[in-house]
Amino acid sequence: MAREIPEQLKYLQAAMTQLESFDPESLGDDNPEAIDIVAAALRQRLDGMSVPDAKRAVRQDSEALKNWMSDPDASPSAAYVYGTLVGISMYADMREFVAS
């Protein structure tokens, strides 16, 4: 029986569903449309947070997503979302994601 996506990650559900329509071979760091889908969901999640709180939230969400991905019924696009979250947490200016 599949584990339901954790509550803290429900904001990613629509993004993962959208990404499932992409050719899996096209999902990479050179696909701006796919990155924008994840970034838009993340902006909604982080809106109004301080930068330190946003960084902490992305790290926690990444870890929760990594754990959830071990479920064989997890969304096929979860690995792409995970990689994007990790990349954003490492390289993005988080001020871009918390601005109201």
PDB file of N, CA and C in Angstrom:
ATOM      1  N   MET A   1       0.848  -1.188   0.000  1.00  0.00           N
ATOM      2  CA  MET A   1       0.000   0.000   0.000  1.00  0.00           C
ATOM      3  C   MET A   1       0.889   1.246   0.000  1.00  0.00           C
ATOM      4  N   ALA A   2       0.610   2.145  -0.907  1.00  0.00           N
ATOM      5  CA  ALA A   2       1.413   3.352  -1.046  1.00  0.00           C
ATOM      6  C   ALA A   2       1.223   4.274   0.145  1.00  0.00           C
ATOM      7  N   ARG A   3       2.335   4.852   0.553  1.00  0.00           N
ATOM      8  CA  ARG A   3       2.251   5.864   1.599  1.00  0.00           C
ATOM      9  C   ARG A   3       1.820   7.168   0.948  1.00  0.00           C
ATOM     10  N   GLU A   4       0.887   7.827   1.576  1.00  0.00           N
ATOM     11  CA  GLU A   4       0.448   9.124   1.078  1.00  0.00           C
ATOM     12  C   GLU A   4       1.588  10.124   1.243  1.00  0.00           C
ATOM     13  N   ILE A   5       1.644  11.080   0.353  1.00  0.00           N
ATOM     14  CA  ILE A   5       2.677  12.106   0.447  1.00  0.00           C
ATOM     15  C   ILE A   5       2.531  12.816   1.799  1.00  0.00           C
ATOM     16  N   PRO A   6       3.634  13.070   2.482  1.00  0.00           N
ATOM     17  CA  PRO A   6       3.559  13.754   3.774  1.00  0.00           C
ATOM     18  C   PRO A   6       2.876  15.113   3.662  1.00  0.00           C
ATOM     19  N   GLU A   7       2.187  15.495   4.692  1.00  0.00           N
ATOM     20  CA  GLU A   7       1.445  16.755   4.717  1.00  0.00           C
ATOM     21  C   GLU A   7       2.330  17.939   4.323  1.00  0.00           C
ATOM     22  N   GLN A   8       3.542  17.995   4.849  1.00  0.00           N
ATOM     23  CA  GLN A   8       4.415  19.138   4.565  1.00  0.00           C
ATOM     24  C   GLN A   8       4.811  19.213   3.096  1.00  0.00           C
ATOM     25  N   LEU A   9       4.598  18.141   2.337  1.00  0.00           N
ATOM     26  CA  LEU A   9       4.968  18.127   0.925  1.00  0.00           C
ATOM     27  C   LEU A   9       3.781  18.244  -0.022  1.00  0.00           C
ATOM     28  N   LYS A  10       2.587  18.362   0.520  1.00  0.00           N
ATOM     29  CA  LYS A  10       1.401  18.414  -0.348  1.00  0.00           C
ATOM     30  C   LYS A  10       1.460  19.571  -1.339  1.00  0.00           C
ATOM     31  N   TYR A  11       2.190  20.620  -0.988  1.00  0.00           N
ATOM     32  CA  TYR A  11       2.313  21.753  -1.908  1.00  0.00           C
ATOM     33  C   TYR A  11       3.038  21.356  -3.198  1.00  0.00           C
ATOM     34  N   LEU A  12       3.752  20.245  -3.179  1.00  0.00           N
ATOM     35  CA  LEU A  12       4.481  19.764  -4.358  1.00  0.00           C
ATOM     36  C   LEU A  12       3.664  18.819  -5.232  1.00  0.00           C
ATOM     37  N   GLN A  13       2.523  18.381  -4.740  1.00  0.00           N
ATOM     38  CA  GLN A  13       1.723  17.378  -5.454  1.00  0.00           C
ATOM     39  C   GLN A  13       1.363  17.820  -6.867  1.00  0.00           C
ATOM     40  N   ALA A  14       0.853  19.040  -7.007  1.00  0.00           N
ATOM     41  CA  ALA A  14       0.462  19.521  -8.344  1.00  0.00           C
ATOM     42  C   ALA A  14       1.674  19.642  -9.258  1.00  0.00           C
ATOM     43  N   ALA A  15       2.804  20.082  -8.711  1.00  0.00           N
ATOM     44  CA  ALA A  15       4.022  20.198  -9.522  1.00  0.00           C
ATOM     45  C   ALA A  15       4.455  18.822 -10.017  1.00  0.00           C
ATOM     46  N   MET A  16       4.430  17.823  -9.134  1.00  0.00           N
ATOM     47  CA  MET A  16       4.828  16.480  -9.550  1.00  0.00           C
ATOM     48  C   MET A  16       3.886  15.938 -10.619  1.00  0.00           C
ATOM     49  N   THR A  17       2.614  16.211 -10.478  1.00  0.00           N
ATOM     50  CA  THR A  17       1.641  15.766 -11.473  1.00  0.00           C
ATOM     51  C   THR A  17       1.932  16.423 -12.826  1.00  0.00           C
ATOM     52  N   GLN A  18       2.206  17.716 -12.826  1.00  0.00           N
ATOM     53  CA  GLN A  18       2.539  18.414 -14.073  1.00  0.00           C
ATOM     54  C   GLN A  18       3.799  17.820 -14.700  1.00  0.00           C
ATOM     55  N   LEU A  19       4.791  17.550 -13.881  1.00  0.00           N
ATOM     56  CA  LEU A  19       6.069  17.042 -14.394  1.00  0.00           C
ATOM     57  C   LEU A  19       5.946  15.641 -14.976  1.00  0.00           C
ATOM     58  N   GLU A  20       4.952  14.883 -14.553  1.00  0.00           N
ATOM     59  CA  GLU A  20       4.753  13.538 -15.091  1.00  0.00           C
ATOM     60  C   GLU A  20       4.383  13.573 -16.569  1.00  0.00           C
ATOM     61  N   SER A  21       3.923  14.733 -17.061  1.00  0.00           N
ATOM     62  CA  SER A  21       3.583  14.837 -18.480  1.00  0.00           C
ATOM     63  C   SER A  21       4.823  15.090 -19.346  1.00  0.00           C
ATOM     64  N   PHE A  22       5.956  15.384 -18.722  1.00  0.00           N
ATOM     65  CA  PHE A  22       7.199  15.627 -19.450  1.00  0.00           C
ATOM     66  C   PHE A  22       7.840  14.292 -19.824  1.00  0.00           C
ATOM     67  N   ASP A  23       8.589  14.303 -20.904  1.00  0.00           N
ATOM     68  CA  ASP A  23       9.429  13.162 -21.240  1.00  0.00           C
ATOM     69  C   ASP A  23      10.484  13.067 -20.138  1.00  0.00           C
ATOM     70  N   PRO A  24      10.594  11.921 -19.453  1.00  0.00           N
ATOM     71  CA  PRO A  24      11.571  11.813 -18.356  1.00  0.00           C
ATOM     72  C   PRO A  24      12.990  12.179 -18.778  1.00  0.00           C
ATOM     73  N   GLU A  25      13.333  11.941 -20.033  1.00  0.00           N
ATOM     74  CA  GLU A  25      14.668  12.283 -20.521  1.00  0.00           C
ATOM     75  C   GLU A  25      14.883  13.797 -20.582  1.00  0.00           C
ATOM     76  N   SER A  26      13.789  14.563 -20.591  1.00  0.00           N
ATOM     77  CA  SER A  26      13.910  16.021 -20.691  1.00  0.00           C
ATOM     78  C   SER A  26      14.038  16.679 -19.323  1.00  0.00           C
ATOM     79  N   LEU A  27      13.822  15.903 -18.266  1.00  0.00           N
ATOM     80  CA  LEU A  27      13.886  16.482 -16.923  1.00  0.00           C
ATOM     81  C   LEU A  27      15.339  16.542 -16.468  1.00  0.00           C
ATOM     82  N   GLY A  28      15.859  17.739 -16.484  1.00  0.00           N
ATOM     83  CA  GLY A  28      17.233  17.976 -16.069  1.00  0.00           C
ATOM     84  C   GLY A  28      17.396  19.436 -15.723  1.00  0.00           C
ATOM     85  N   ASP A  29      18.599  19.799 -15.333  1.00  0.00           N
ATOM     86  CA  ASP A  29      18.814  21.180 -14.932  1.00  0.00           C
ATOM     87  C   ASP A  29      18.855  22.140 -16.117  1.00  0.00           C
ATOM     88  N   ASP A  30      18.680  21.607 -17.316  1.00  0.00           N
ATOM     89  CA  ASP A  30      18.632  22.454 -18.497  1.00  0.00           C
ATOM     90  C   ASP A  30      17.207  22.581 -19.047  1.00  0.00           C
ATOM     91  N   ASN A  31      16.218  22.292 -18.211  1.00  0.00           N
ATOM     92  CA  ASN A  31      14.824  22.407 -18.615  1.00  0.00           C
ATOM     93  C   ASN A  31      14.170  23.520 -17.790  1.00  0.00           C
ATOM     94  N   PRO A  32      14.193  24.756 -18.287  1.00  0.00           N
ATOM     95  CA  PRO A  32      13.679  25.870 -17.499  1.00  0.00           C
ATOM     96  C   PRO A  32      12.190  25.755 -17.175  1.00  0.00           C
ATOM     97  N   GLU A  33      11.426  25.157 -18.065  1.00  0.00           N
ATOM     98  CA  GLU A  33       9.986  25.022 -17.800  1.00  0.00           C
ATOM     99  C   GLU A  33       9.748  24.119 -16.586  1.00  0.00           C
ATOM    100  N   ALA A  34      10.474  23.018 -16.500  1.00  0.00           N
ATOM    101  CA  ALA A  34      10.325  22.105 -15.368  1.00  0.00           C
ATOM    102  C   ALA A  34      10.810  22.758 -14.077  1.00  0.00           C
ATOM    103  N   ILE A  35      11.926  23.457 -14.159  1.00  0.00           N
ATOM    104  CA  ILE A  35      12.437  24.154 -12.969  1.00  0.00           C
ATOM    105  C   ILE A  35      11.432  25.195 -12.503  1.00  0.00           C
ATOM    106  N   ASP A  36      10.825  25.924 -13.437  1.00  0.00           N
ATOM    107  CA  ASP A  36       9.839  26.946 -13.077  1.00  0.00           C
ATOM    108  C   ASP A  36       8.636  26.347 -12.359  1.00  0.00           C
ATOM    109  N   ILE A  37       8.234  25.145 -12.731  1.00  0.00           N
ATOM    110  CA  ILE A  37       7.095  24.497 -12.076  1.00  0.00           C
ATOM    111  C   ILE A  37       7.410  24.241 -10.602  1.00  0.00           C
ATOM    112  N   VAL A  38       8.589  23.719 -10.333  1.00  0.00           N
ATOM    113  CA  VAL A  38       8.992  23.452  -8.952  1.00  0.00           C
ATOM    114  C   VAL A  38       9.189  24.767  -8.199  1.00  0.00           C
ATOM    115  N   ALA A  39       9.834  25.734  -8.837  1.00  0.00           N
ATOM    116  CA  ALA A  39      10.099  27.022  -8.192  1.00  0.00           C
ATOM    117  C   ALA A  39       8.796  27.730  -7.822  1.00  0.00           C
ATOM    118  N   ALA A  40       7.784  27.654  -8.674  1.00  0.00           N
ATOM    119  CA  ALA A  40       6.503  28.298  -8.379  1.00  0.00           C
ATOM    120  C   ALA A  40       5.855  27.684  -7.144  1.00  0.00           C
ATOM    121  N   ALA A  41       5.895  26.364  -7.044  1.00  0.00           N
ATOM    122  CA  ALA A  41       5.346  25.701  -5.860  1.00  0.00           C
ATOM    123  C   ALA A  41       6.130  26.105  -4.617  1.00  0.00           C
ATOM    124  N   LEU A  42       7.435  26.172  -4.747  1.00  0.00           N
ATOM    125  CA  LEU A  42       8.287  26.532  -3.617  1.00  0.00           C
ATOM    126  C   LEU A  42       8.046  27.976  -3.186  1.00  0.00           C
ATOM    127  N   ARG A  43       7.846  28.870  -4.135  1.00  0.00           N
ATOM    128  CA  ARG A  43       7.558  30.266  -3.782  1.00  0.00           C
ATOM    129  C   ARG A  43       6.298  30.367  -2.929  1.00  0.00           C
ATOM    130  N   GLN A  44       5.280  29.612  -3.287  1.00  0.00           N
ATOM    131  CA  GLN A  44       4.046  29.629  -2.498  1.00  0.00           C
ATOM    132  C   GLN A  44       4.310  29.115  -1.089  1.00  0.00           C
ATOM    133  N   ARG A  45       5.101  28.072  -0.974  1.00  0.00           N
ATOM    134  CA  ARG A  45       5.424  27.480   0.328  1.00  0.00           C
ATOM    135  C   ARG A  45       6.197  28.454   1.215  1.00  0.00           C
ATOM    136  N   LEU A  46       7.136  29.185   0.641  1.00  0.00           N
ATOM    137  CA  LEU A  46       8.062  30.007   1.412  1.00  0.00           C
ATOM    138  C   LEU A  46       7.639  31.463   1.546  1.00  0.00           C
ATOM    139  N   ASP A  47       6.595  31.861   0.850  1.00  0.00           N
ATOM    140  CA  ASP A  47       6.159  33.248   0.843  1.00  0.00           C
ATOM    141  C   ASP A  47       6.007  33.791   2.268  1.00  0.00           C
ATOM    142  N   GLY A  48       6.709  34.877   2.529  1.00  0.00           N
ATOM    143  CA  GLY A  48       6.591  35.540   3.818  1.00  0.00           C
ATOM    144  C   GLY A  48       7.551  35.040   4.892  1.00  0.00           C
ATOM    145  N   MET A  49       8.292  33.964   4.627  1.00  0.00           N
ATOM    146  CA  MET A  49       9.257  33.451   5.606  1.00  0.00           C
ATOM    147  C   MET A  49      10.520  34.307   5.581  1.00  0.00           C
ATOM    148  N   SER A  50      11.265  34.247   6.656  1.00  0.00           N
ATOM    149  CA  SER A  50      12.590  34.847   6.660  1.00  0.00           C
ATOM    150  C   SER A  50      13.506  33.945   5.835  1.00  0.00           C
ATOM    151  N   VAL A  51      14.628  34.460   5.381  1.00  0.00           N
ATOM    152  CA  VAL A  51      15.558  33.657   4.598  1.00  0.00           C
ATOM    153  C   VAL A  51      16.054  32.448   5.401  1.00  0.00           C
ATOM    154  N   PRO A  52      16.458  32.612   6.674  1.00  0.00           N
ATOM    155  CA  PRO A  52      16.894  31.425   7.427  1.00  0.00           C
ATOM    156  C   PRO A  52      15.784  30.378   7.580  1.00  0.00           C
ATOM    157  N   ASP A  53      14.558  30.832   7.816  1.00  0.00           N
ATOM    158  CA  ASP A  53      13.440  29.885   7.939  1.00  0.00           C
ATOM    159  C   ASP A  53      13.169  29.181   6.616  1.00  0.00           C
ATOM    160  N   ALA A  54      13.285  29.926   5.523  1.00  0.00           N
ATOM    161  CA  ALA A  54      13.067  29.336   4.201  1.00  0.00           C
ATOM    162  C   ALA A  54      14.127  28.277   3.901  1.00  0.00           C
ATOM    163  N   LYS A  55      15.384  28.577   4.205  1.00  0.00           N
ATOM    164  CA  LYS A  55      16.452  27.599   3.985  1.00  0.00           C
ATOM    165  C   LYS A  55      16.200  26.340   4.800  1.00  0.00           C
ATOM    166  N   ARG A  56      15.804  26.513   6.040  1.00  0.00           N
ATOM    167  CA  ARG A  56      15.512  25.375   6.912  1.00  0.00           C
ATOM    168  C   ARG A  56      14.345  24.563   6.358  1.00  0.00           C
ATOM    169  N   ALA A  57      13.293  25.245   5.899  1.00  0.00           N
ATOM    170  CA  ALA A  57      12.121  24.559   5.351  1.00  0.00           C
ATOM    171  C   ALA A  57      12.481  23.746   4.113  1.00  0.00           C
ATOM    172  N   VAL A  58      13.305  24.300   3.238  1.00  0.00           N
ATOM    173  CA  VAL A  58      13.693  23.578   2.016  1.00  0.00           C
ATOM    174  C   VAL A  58      14.519  22.349   2.385  1.00  0.00           C
ATOM    175  N   ARG A  59      15.432  22.489   3.327  1.00  0.00           N
ATOM    176  CA  ARG A  59      16.230  21.324   3.756  1.00  0.00           C
ATOM    177  C   ARG A  59      15.330  20.245   4.358  1.00  0.00           C
ATOM    178  N   GLN A  60      14.390  20.659   5.211  1.00  0.00           N
ATOM    179  CA  GLN A  60      13.480  19.685   5.828  1.00  0.00           C
ATOM    180  C   GLN A  60      12.578  19.034   4.784  1.00  0.00           C
ATOM    181  N   ASP A  61      12.080  19.818   3.858  1.00  0.00           N
ATOM    182  CA  ASP A  61      11.223  19.267   2.805  1.00  0.00           C
ATOM    183  C   ASP A  61      12.011  18.316   1.906  1.00  0.00           C
ATOM    184  N   SER A  62      13.256  18.666   1.622  1.00  0.00           N
ATOM    185  CA  SER A  62      14.095  17.784   0.801  1.00  0.00           C
ATOM    186  C   SER A  62      14.289  16.437   1.489  1.00  0.00           C
ATOM    187  N   GLU A  63      14.558  16.476   2.775  1.00  0.00           N
ATOM    188  CA  GLU A  63      14.755  15.234   3.525  1.00  0.00           C
ATOM    189  C   GLU A  63      13.466  14.410   3.564  1.00  0.00           C
ATOM    190  N   ALA A  64      12.337  15.072   3.797  1.00  0.00           N
ATOM    191  CA  ALA A  64      11.052  14.366   3.824  1.00  0.00           C
ATOM    192  C   ALA A  64      10.741  13.760   2.456  1.00  0.00           C
ATOM    193  N   LEU A  65      11.050  14.496   1.398  1.00  0.00           N
ATOM    194  CA  LEU A  65      10.809  13.983   0.045  1.00  0.00           C
ATOM    195  C   LEU A  65      11.713  12.791  -0.247  1.00  0.00           C
ATOM    196  N   LYS A  66      12.948  12.889   0.159  1.00  0.00           N
ATOM    197  CA  LYS A  66      13.883  11.770  -0.032  1.00  0.00           C
ATOM    198  C   LYS A  66      13.357  10.508   0.656  1.00  0.00           C
ATOM    199  N   ASN A  67      12.857  10.657   1.861  1.00  0.00           N
ATOM    200  CA  ASN A  67      12.292   9.506   2.582  1.00  0.00           C
ATOM    201  C   ASN A  67      11.042   8.974   1.895  1.00  0.00           C
ATOM    202  N   TRP A  68      10.179   9.859   1.447  1.00  0.00           N
ATOM    203  CA  TRP A  68       8.934   9.436   0.800  1.00  0.00           C
ATOM    204  C   TRP A  68       9.219   8.746  -0.529  1.00  0.00           C
ATOM    205  N   MET A  69      10.273   9.173  -1.222  1.00  0.00           N
ATOM    206  CA  MET A  69      10.605   8.587  -2.519  1.00  0.00           C
ATOM    207  C   MET A  69      10.957   7.112  -2.430  1.00  0.00           C
ATOM    208  N   SER A  70      11.256   6.615  -1.246  1.00  0.00           N
ATOM    209  CA  SER A  70      11.577   5.196  -1.110  1.00  0.00           C
ATOM    210  C   SER A  70      10.349   4.315  -1.315  1.00  0.00           C
ATOM    211  N   ASP A  71       9.166   4.908  -1.294  1.00  0.00           N
ATOM    212  CA  ASP A  71       7.934   4.177  -1.551  1.00  0.00           C
ATOM    213  C   ASP A  71       7.875   3.852  -3.041  1.00  0.00           C
ATOM    214  N   PRO A  72       7.680   2.587  -3.409  1.00  0.00           N
ATOM    215  CA  PRO A  72       7.650   2.241  -4.836  1.00  0.00           C
ATOM    216  C   PRO A  72       6.525   2.924  -5.609  1.00  0.00           C
ATOM    217  N   ASP A  73       5.509   3.397  -4.906  1.00  0.00           N
ATOM    218  CA  ASP A  73       4.403   4.066  -5.578  1.00  0.00           C
ATOM    219  C   ASP A  73       4.537   5.588  -5.567  1.00  0.00           C
ATOM    220  N   ALA A  74       5.685   6.091  -5.135  1.00  0.00           N
ATOM    221  CA  ALA A  74       5.897   7.542  -5.143  1.00  0.00           C
ATOM    222  C   ALA A  74       5.871   8.042  -6.584  1.00  0.00           C
ATOM    223  N   SER A  75       5.548   9.284  -6.726  1.00  0.00           N
ATOM    224  CA  SER A  75       5.486   9.897  -8.050  1.00  0.00           C
ATOM    225  C   SER A  75       6.807   9.713  -8.790  1.00  0.00           C
ATOM    226  N   PRO A  76       6.755   9.343 -10.070  1.00  0.00           N
ATOM    227  CA  PRO A  76       7.983   9.193 -10.850  1.00  0.00           C
ATOM    228  C   PRO A  76       8.775  10.501 -10.945  1.00  0.00           C
ATOM    229  N   SER A  77       8.113  11.615 -10.794  1.00  0.00           N
ATOM    230  CA  SER A  77       8.800  12.905 -10.901  1.00  0.00           C
ATOM    231  C   SER A  77       9.373  13.376  -9.561  1.00  0.00           C
ATOM    232  N   ALA A  78       9.182  12.606  -8.510  1.00  0.00           N
ATOM    233  CA  ALA A  78       9.668  13.007  -7.183  1.00  0.00           C
ATOM    234  C   ALA A  78      11.182  13.170  -7.166  1.00  0.00           C
ATOM    235  N   ALA A  79      11.910  12.333  -7.872  1.00  0.00           N
ATOM    236  CA  ALA A  79      13.369  12.442  -7.892  1.00  0.00           C
ATOM    237  C   ALA A  79      13.806  13.754  -8.535  1.00  0.00           C
ATOM    238  N   TYR A  80      13.115  14.165  -9.584  1.00  0.00           N
ATOM    239  CA  TYR A  80      13.441  15.447 -10.204  1.00  0.00           C
ATOM    240  C   TYR A  80      13.163  16.591  -9.239  1.00  0.00           C
ATOM    241  N   VAL A  81      12.022  16.542  -8.573  1.00  0.00           N
ATOM    242  CA  VAL A  81      11.669  17.592  -7.611  1.00  0.00           C
ATOM    243  C   VAL A  81      12.700  17.624  -6.489  1.00  0.00           C
ATOM    244  N   TYR A  82      13.089  16.460  -6.005  1.00  0.00           N
ATOM    245  CA  TYR A  82      14.102  16.389  -4.951  1.00  0.00           C
ATOM    246  C   TYR A  82      15.400  17.057  -5.413  1.00  0.00           C
ATOM    247  N   GLY A  83      15.872  16.709  -6.579  1.00  0.00           N
ATOM    248  CA  GLY A  83      17.100  17.296  -7.094  1.00  0.00           C
ATOM    249  C   GLY A  83      16.997  18.801  -7.256  1.00  0.00           C
ATOM    250  N   THR A  84      15.842  19.263  -7.688  1.00  0.00           N
ATOM    251  CA  THR A  84      15.636  20.698  -7.855  1.00  0.00           C
ATOM    252  C   THR A  84      15.647  21.402  -6.507  1.00  0.00           C
ATOM    253  N   LEU A  85      14.982  20.820  -5.511  1.00  0.00           N
ATOM    254  CA  LEU A  85      14.984  21.418  -4.167  1.00  0.00           C
ATOM    255  C   LEU A  85      16.395  21.490  -3.599  1.00  0.00           C
ATOM    256  N   VAL A  86      17.143  20.418  -3.751  1.00  0.00           N
ATOM    257  CA  VAL A  86      18.520  20.413  -3.247  1.00  0.00           C
ATOM    258  C   VAL A  86      19.339  21.487  -3.967  1.00  0.00           C
ATOM    259  N   GLY A  87      19.192  21.568  -5.280  1.00  0.00           N
ATOM    260  CA  GLY A  87      19.914  22.583  -6.044  1.00  0.00           C
ATOM    261  C   GLY A  87      19.538  23.994  -5.618  1.00  0.00           C
ATOM    262  N   ILE A  88      18.260  24.230  -5.421  1.00  0.00           N
ATOM    263  CA  ILE A  88      17.805  25.548  -4.975  1.00  0.00           C
ATOM    264  C   ILE A  88      18.377  25.860  -3.599  1.00  0.00           C
ATOM    265  N   SER A  89      18.367  24.883  -2.708  1.00  0.00           N
ATOM    266  CA  SER A  89      18.865  25.130  -1.349  1.00  0.00           C
ATOM    267  C   SER A  89      20.360  25.446  -1.357  1.00  0.00           C
ATOM    268  N   MET A  90      21.088  24.923  -2.326  1.00  0.00           N
ATOM    269  CA  MET A  90      22.531  25.125  -2.381  1.00  0.00           C
ATOM    270  C   MET A  90      22.931  26.374  -3.174  1.00  0.00           C
ATOM    271  N   TYR A  91      22.206  26.703  -4.231  1.00  0.00           N
ATOM    272  CA  TYR A  91      22.694  27.713  -5.161  1.00  0.00           C
ATOM    273  C   TYR A  91      21.803  28.937  -5.350  1.00  0.00           C
ATOM    274  N   ALA A  92      20.547  28.850  -4.993  1.00  0.00           N
ATOM    275  CA  ALA A  92      19.635  29.961  -5.275  1.00  0.00           C
ATOM    276  C   ALA A  92      19.710  31.029  -4.190  1.00  0.00           C
ATOM    277  N   ASP A  93      19.404  32.238  -4.584  1.00  0.00           N
ATOM    278  CA  ASP A  93      19.248  33.330  -3.633  1.00  0.00           C
ATOM    279  C   ASP A  93      17.843  33.183  -3.046  1.00  0.00           C
ATOM    280  N   MET A  94      17.774  32.760  -1.805  1.00  0.00           N
ATOM    281  CA  MET A  94      16.466  32.470  -1.203  1.00  0.00           C
ATOM    282  C   MET A  94      15.576  33.697  -1.077  1.00  0.00           C
ATOM    283  N   ARG A  95      16.157  34.880  -1.171  1.00  0.00           N
ATOM    284  CA  ARG A  95      15.324  36.100  -1.128  1.00  0.00           C
ATOM    285  C   ARG A  95      14.321  36.104  -2.264  1.00  0.00           C
ATOM    286  N   GLU A  96      14.675  35.456  -3.373  1.00  0.00           N
ATOM    287  CA  GLU A  96      13.775  35.358  -4.520  1.00  0.00           C
ATOM    288  C   GLU A  96      12.510  34.559  -4.187  1.00  0.00           C
ATOM    289  N   PHE A  97      12.624  33.664  -3.231  1.00  0.00           N
ATOM    290  CA  PHE A  97      11.507  32.775  -2.907  1.00  0.00           C
ATOM    291  C   PHE A  97      10.657  33.248  -1.741  1.00  0.00           C
ATOM    292  N   VAL A  98      11.154  34.180  -0.949  1.00  0.00           N
ATOM    293  CA  VAL A  98      10.402  34.584   0.247  1.00  0.00           C
ATOM    294  C   VAL A  98       9.726  35.946   0.082  1.00  0.00           C
ATOM    295  N   ALA A  99      10.004  36.644  -0.990  1.00  0.00           N
ATOM    296  CA  ALA A  99       9.427  37.971  -1.204  1.00  0.00           C
ATOM    297  C   ALA A  99       7.914  37.878  -1.314  1.00  0.00           C
ATOM    298  N   SER A 100       7.258  38.726  -0.618  1.00  0.00           N
ATOM    299  CA  SER A 100       5.775  38.737  -0.655  1.00  0.00           C
ATOM    300  C   SER A 100       5.268  39.546  -1.815  1.00  0.00           C
TER     301      SER A 100
END
